[in-house]
Every structure is written in structure tokens, then in C-alpha cells.
Amino acid sequence: MNTQKETAHLWFKKAQNDLKTGKDEFKTENPATDTICFHMQQAVEKYLKGYLIYHEQEAEKTHNISRILENCISIDSSFSELIDAGIEILTPYGTVIRYPDDFYMPDMEETEEAIQLAETVVSFIKKKIENSE
């Protein structure tokens, strides 16, 4: 049976795969920006949920980055820095953008910002985990 910390690291691994997939696609000739932004949202969601699991908290079944982030802040108030970074703008990429009902294609600048936000979260949480192990 996996410990909470081992389970959290599995979440981080899945998140890293989302990050890699999106960043690799961004380098292609005609990148699928909606797909990249979706993977950035997923990477952030999984890293935040992994952090909660690492600290033996429940990872609520939601794609709402702000809601998940609030749970992280309850463990460590410095997570409020991620609010200031604006990561909540990633939430629609995990839900609304996935379906053709409200067709929307992010431009390259918006996509690059999504990648940068995801990298900010990943770096932030990696430091938190490294400092606690």
C-alpha cells in the first residue's frame, strides 16, 4: 500500500507528464494552443492536489484552481503568493475550453503565459516538498 507521500509523488509524476506534453506541443509548427492550455491547467491542478495529499488532506474532486489553492493556503499561508501570480486564470482551460460549445482558441501569448504559470506552480511546490523531506 502506498503512503500518502508516495501517492503524492505519483500525482506529481502525472503532472510532470502534462507539463511535458504541453511544452513539447508548444514547440511544434502549428501548436494546438487549446490542448496546451488544458495540459497546463491539469499540471497545476495535479501539483496542488498532490501537495494536499502529501499533507494527508483530501484532494477534492474539482477543477477549480482557486478552490484547491484555498485548501493549500490552509496548510501553508505562503501559497497566497500563487493567487498574486494569477494562477486562477487556468481554471477555464480545464473545463470550458475543452468542448466546442463555447469555441475558443488561445493565442500564442496566452498559451505562453499558461506555461509560465504552470512552471511557477511546479517550482513553488517542488521547493516546498524538498524543504519538508
C-alpha atoms as a PDB file:
ATOM      1  CA  MET A   1       0.000   0.000   0.000  1.00  0.00           C
ATOM      2  CA  ASN A   2       1.264   3.464  -0.868  1.00  0.00           C
ATOM      3  CA  THR A   3       1.850   6.026   1.818  1.00  0.00           C
ATOM      4  CA  GLN A   4       0.334   9.468   1.364  1.00  0.00           C
ATOM      5  CA  LYS A   5       3.744  10.815   0.343  1.00  0.00           C
ATOM      6  CA  GLU A   6       4.212   8.082  -2.257  1.00  0.00           C
ATOM      7  CA  THR A   7       0.737   8.763  -3.622  1.00  0.00           C
ATOM      8  CA  ALA A   8       1.516  12.485  -3.776  1.00  0.00           C
ATOM      9  CA  HIS A   9       4.650  11.772  -5.812  1.00  0.00           C
ATOM     10  CA  LEU A  10       2.530   9.776  -8.268  1.00  0.00           C
ATOM     11  CA  TRP A  11       0.309  12.865  -8.678  1.00  0.00           C
ATOM     12  CA  PHE A  12       3.445  14.945  -9.269  1.00  0.00           C
ATOM     13  CA  LYS A  13       4.632  12.454 -11.907  1.00  0.00           C
ATOM     14  CA  LYS A  14       1.304  12.670 -13.761  1.00  0.00           C
ATOM     15  CA  ALA A  15       1.505  16.475 -13.535  1.00  0.00           C
ATOM     16  CA  GLN A  16       5.022  16.451 -14.964  1.00  0.00           C
ATOM     17  CA  ASN A  17       3.700  14.454 -17.916  1.00  0.00           C
ATOM     18  CA  ASP A  18       1.018  17.104 -18.512  1.00  0.00           C
ATOM     19  CA  LEU A  19       3.657  19.822 -18.341  1.00  0.00           C
ATOM     20  CA  LYS A  20       5.942  17.966 -20.751  1.00  0.00           C
ATOM     21  CA  THR A  21       3.130  17.236 -23.204  1.00  0.00           C
ATOM     22  CA  GLY A  22       2.084  20.883 -23.325  1.00  0.00           C
ATOM     23  CA  LYS A  23       5.608  22.267 -23.588  1.00  0.00           C
ATOM     24  CA  ASP A  24       6.543  19.779 -26.317  1.00  0.00           C
ATOM     25  CA  GLU A  25       3.423  20.681 -28.318  1.00  0.00           C
ATOM     26  CA  PHE A  26       4.200  24.397 -27.937  1.00  0.00           C
ATOM     27  CA  LYS A  27       7.436  23.841 -29.892  1.00  0.00           C
ATOM     28  CA  THR A  28       5.651  22.420 -32.939  1.00  0.00           C
ATOM     29  CA  GLU A  29       4.970  24.365 -36.128  1.00  0.00           C
ATOM     30  CA  ASN A  30       1.238  24.854 -35.528  1.00  0.00           C
ATOM     31  CA  PRO A  31       0.721  24.204 -31.822  1.00  0.00           C
ATOM     32  CA  ALA A  32      -2.698  23.185 -30.547  1.00  0.00           C
ATOM     33  CA  THR A  33      -2.945  26.040 -28.066  1.00  0.00           C
ATOM     34  CA  ASP A  34      -6.207  24.868 -26.510  1.00  0.00           C
ATOM     35  CA  THR A  35      -4.663  21.472 -25.767  1.00  0.00           C
ATOM     36  CA  ILE A  36      -1.510  23.062 -24.340  1.00  0.00           C
ATOM     37  CA  CYS A  37      -3.538  25.281 -22.018  1.00  0.00           C
ATOM     38  CA  PHE A  38      -5.608  22.277 -20.928  1.00  0.00           C
ATOM     39  CA  HIS A  39      -2.431  20.399 -20.006  1.00  0.00           C
ATOM     40  CA  MET A  40      -1.098  23.424 -18.088  1.00  0.00           C
ATOM     41  CA  GLN A  41      -4.318  23.571 -16.072  1.00  0.00           C
ATOM     42  CA  GLN A  42      -4.052  19.849 -15.421  1.00  0.00           C
ATOM     43  CA  ALA A  43      -0.410  20.113 -14.314  1.00  0.00           C
ATOM     44  CA  VAL A  44      -1.294  22.841 -11.815  1.00  0.00           C
ATOM     45  CA  GLU A  45      -4.375  21.025 -10.559  1.00  0.00           C
ATOM     46  CA  LYS A  46      -2.404  17.809 -10.015  1.00  0.00           C
ATOM     47  CA  TYR A  47       0.502  19.556  -8.307  1.00  0.00           C
ATOM     48  CA  LEU A  48      -1.840  21.356  -5.915  1.00  0.00           C
ATOM     49  CA  LYS A  49      -3.796  18.177  -5.190  1.00  0.00           C
ATOM     50  CA  GLY A  50      -0.542  16.261  -4.768  1.00  0.00           C
ATOM     51  CA  TYR A  51       0.544  18.817  -2.188  1.00  0.00           C
ATOM     52  CA  LEU A  52      -2.703  18.303  -0.277  1.00  0.00           C
ATOM     53  CA  ILE A  53      -2.296  14.530  -0.380  1.00  0.00           C
ATOM     54  CA  TYR A  54       1.332  14.873   0.725  1.00  0.00           C
ATOM     55  CA  HIS A  55      -0.020  16.630   3.816  1.00  0.00           C
ATOM     56  CA  GLU A  56      -2.678  13.942   4.345  1.00  0.00           C
ATOM     57  CA  GLN A  57      -5.529  16.135   3.184  1.00  0.00           C
ATOM     58  CA  GLU A  58      -8.314  15.153   0.837  1.00  0.00           C
ATOM     59  CA  ALA A  59      -7.978  16.164  -2.813  1.00  0.00           C
ATOM     60  CA  GLU A  60     -11.475  17.390  -3.588  1.00  0.00           C
ATOM     61  CA  LYS A  61     -12.881  16.399  -6.972  1.00  0.00           C
ATOM     62  CA  THR A  62     -12.911  19.816  -8.592  1.00  0.00           C
ATOM     63  CA  HIS A  63     -11.083  21.544 -11.431  1.00  0.00           C
ATOM     64  CA  ASN A  64     -11.388  24.937  -9.738  1.00  0.00           C
ATOM     65  CA  ILE A  65      -7.811  26.082  -9.141  1.00  0.00           C
ATOM     66  CA  SER A  66      -8.862  28.800  -6.676  1.00  0.00           C
ATOM     67  CA  ARG A  67     -10.764  26.307  -4.552  1.00  0.00           C
ATOM     68  CA  ILE A  68      -7.873  23.837  -4.464  1.00  0.00           C
ATOM     69  CA  LEU A  69      -5.440  26.660  -3.753  1.00  0.00           C
ATOM     70  CA  GLU A  70      -7.506  27.789  -0.754  1.00  0.00           C
ATOM     71  CA  ASN A  71      -7.071  24.308   0.712  1.00  0.00           C
ATOM     72  CA  CYS A  72      -3.307  24.583   0.217  1.00  0.00           C
ATOM     73  CA  ILE A  73      -3.302  28.015   1.890  1.00  0.00           C
ATOM     74  CA  SER A  74      -4.944  26.449   4.929  1.00  0.00           C
ATOM     75  CA  ILE A  75      -1.799  24.289   5.261  1.00  0.00           C
ATOM     76  CA  ASP A  76       0.747  26.960   4.307  1.00  0.00           C
ATOM     77  CA  SER A  77      -0.220  30.619   4.024  1.00  0.00           C
ATOM     78  CA  SER A  78       2.651  31.330   1.607  1.00  0.00           C
ATOM     79  CA  PHE A  79       0.539  29.662  -1.110  1.00  0.00           C
ATOM     80  CA  SER A  80      -1.269  33.001  -1.285  1.00  0.00           C
ATOM     81  CA  GLU A  81       1.674  34.073  -3.466  1.00  0.00           C
ATOM     82  CA  LEU A  82       0.137  31.906  -6.186  1.00  0.00           C
ATOM     83  CA  ILE A  83      -3.048  33.959  -6.001  1.00  0.00           C
ATOM     84  CA  ASP A  84      -0.923  37.033  -6.648  1.00  0.00           C
ATOM     85  CA  ALA A  85       0.689  35.200  -9.583  1.00  0.00           C
ATOM     86  CA  GLY A  86      -2.778  34.820 -11.127  1.00  0.00           C
ATOM     87  CA  ILE A  87      -2.930  31.036 -11.469  1.00  0.00           C
ATOM     88  CA  GLU A  88      -6.715  31.025 -11.143  1.00  0.00           C
ATOM     89  CA  ILE A  89      -6.946  32.099 -14.798  1.00  0.00           C
ATOM     90  CA  LEU A  90      -6.031  28.499 -15.672  1.00  0.00           C
ATOM     91  CA  THR A  91      -9.340  27.089 -14.361  1.00  0.00           C
ATOM     92  CA  PRO A  92     -11.376  27.550 -17.585  1.00  0.00           C
ATOM     93  CA  TYR A  93      -8.757  25.606 -19.538  1.00  0.00           C
ATOM     94  CA  GLY A  94      -9.730  22.504 -17.572  1.00  0.00           C
ATOM     95  CA  THR A  95     -13.411  22.840 -18.265  1.00  0.00           C
ATOM     96  CA  VAL A  96     -14.884  25.394 -20.679  1.00  0.00           C
ATOM     97  CA  ILE A  97     -12.183  25.281 -23.342  1.00  0.00           C
ATOM     98  CA  ARG A  98     -12.410  21.503 -23.701  1.00  0.00           C
ATOM     99  CA  TYR A  99     -15.730  21.491 -25.523  1.00  0.00           C
ATOM    100  CA  PRO A 100     -16.857  23.057 -28.824  1.00  0.00           C
ATOM    101  CA  ASP A 101     -19.963  24.682 -27.299  1.00  0.00           C
ATOM    102  CA  ASP A 102     -18.042  27.855 -26.481  1.00  0.00           C
ATOM    103  CA  PHE A 103     -15.315  27.511 -29.072  1.00  0.00           C
ATOM    104  CA  TYR A 104     -12.224  29.413 -28.047  1.00  0.00           C
ATOM    105  CA  MET A 105      -8.640  29.090 -29.193  1.00  0.00           C
ATOM    106  CA  PRO A 106      -5.980  30.796 -27.023  1.00  0.00           C
ATOM    107  CA  ASP A 107      -3.367  32.783 -28.930  1.00  0.00           C
ATOM    108  CA  MET A 108       0.356  32.097 -28.583  1.00  0.00           C
ATOM    109  CA  GLU A 109       0.890  34.812 -25.978  1.00  0.00           C
ATOM    110  CA  GLU A 110      -1.903  33.482 -23.766  1.00  0.00           C
ATOM    111  CA  THR A 111      -0.574  29.960 -24.197  1.00  0.00           C
ATOM    112  CA  GLU A 112       2.926  31.012 -23.225  1.00  0.00           C
ATOM    113  CA  GLU A 113       1.505  32.688 -20.114  1.00  0.00           C
ATOM    114  CA  ALA A 114      -0.280  29.452 -19.182  1.00  0.00           C
ATOM    115  CA  ILE A 115       3.023  27.573 -19.478  1.00  0.00           C
ATOM    116  CA  GLN A 116       4.796  30.161 -17.331  1.00  0.00           C
ATOM    117  CA  LEU A 117       2.089  29.970 -14.665  1.00  0.00           C
ATOM    118  CA  ALA A 118       2.301  26.188 -14.584  1.00  0.00           C
ATOM    119  CA  GLU A 119       6.077  26.333 -14.274  1.00  0.00           C
ATOM    120  CA  THR A 120       5.722  28.827 -11.402  1.00  0.00           C
ATOM    121  CA  VAL A 121       3.425  26.470  -9.501  1.00  0.00           C
ATOM    122  CA  VAL A 122       5.605  23.426 -10.157  1.00  0.00           C
ATOM    123  CA  SER A 123       8.737  25.222  -8.965  1.00  0.00           C
ATOM    124  CA  PHE A 124       6.939  26.607  -5.899  1.00  0.00           C
ATOM    125  CA  ILE A 125       5.600  23.223  -4.795  1.00  0.00           C
ATOM    126  CA  LYS A 126       8.829  21.353  -5.558  1.00  0.00           C
ATOM    127  CA  LYS A 127      10.665  23.710  -3.191  1.00  0.00           C
ATOM    128  CA  LYS A 128       8.020  23.161  -0.501  1.00  0.00           C
ATOM    129  CA  ILE A 129       8.318  19.386  -0.802  1.00  0.00           C
ATOM    130  CA  GLU A 130      12.127  19.384  -0.925  1.00  0.00           C
ATOM    131  CA  ASN A 131      12.262  21.512   2.230  1.00  0.00           C
ATOM    132  CA  SER A 132       9.968  19.110   4.100  1.00  0.00           C
ATOM    133  CA  GLU A 133      11.737  15.858   3.200  1.00  0.00           C
END
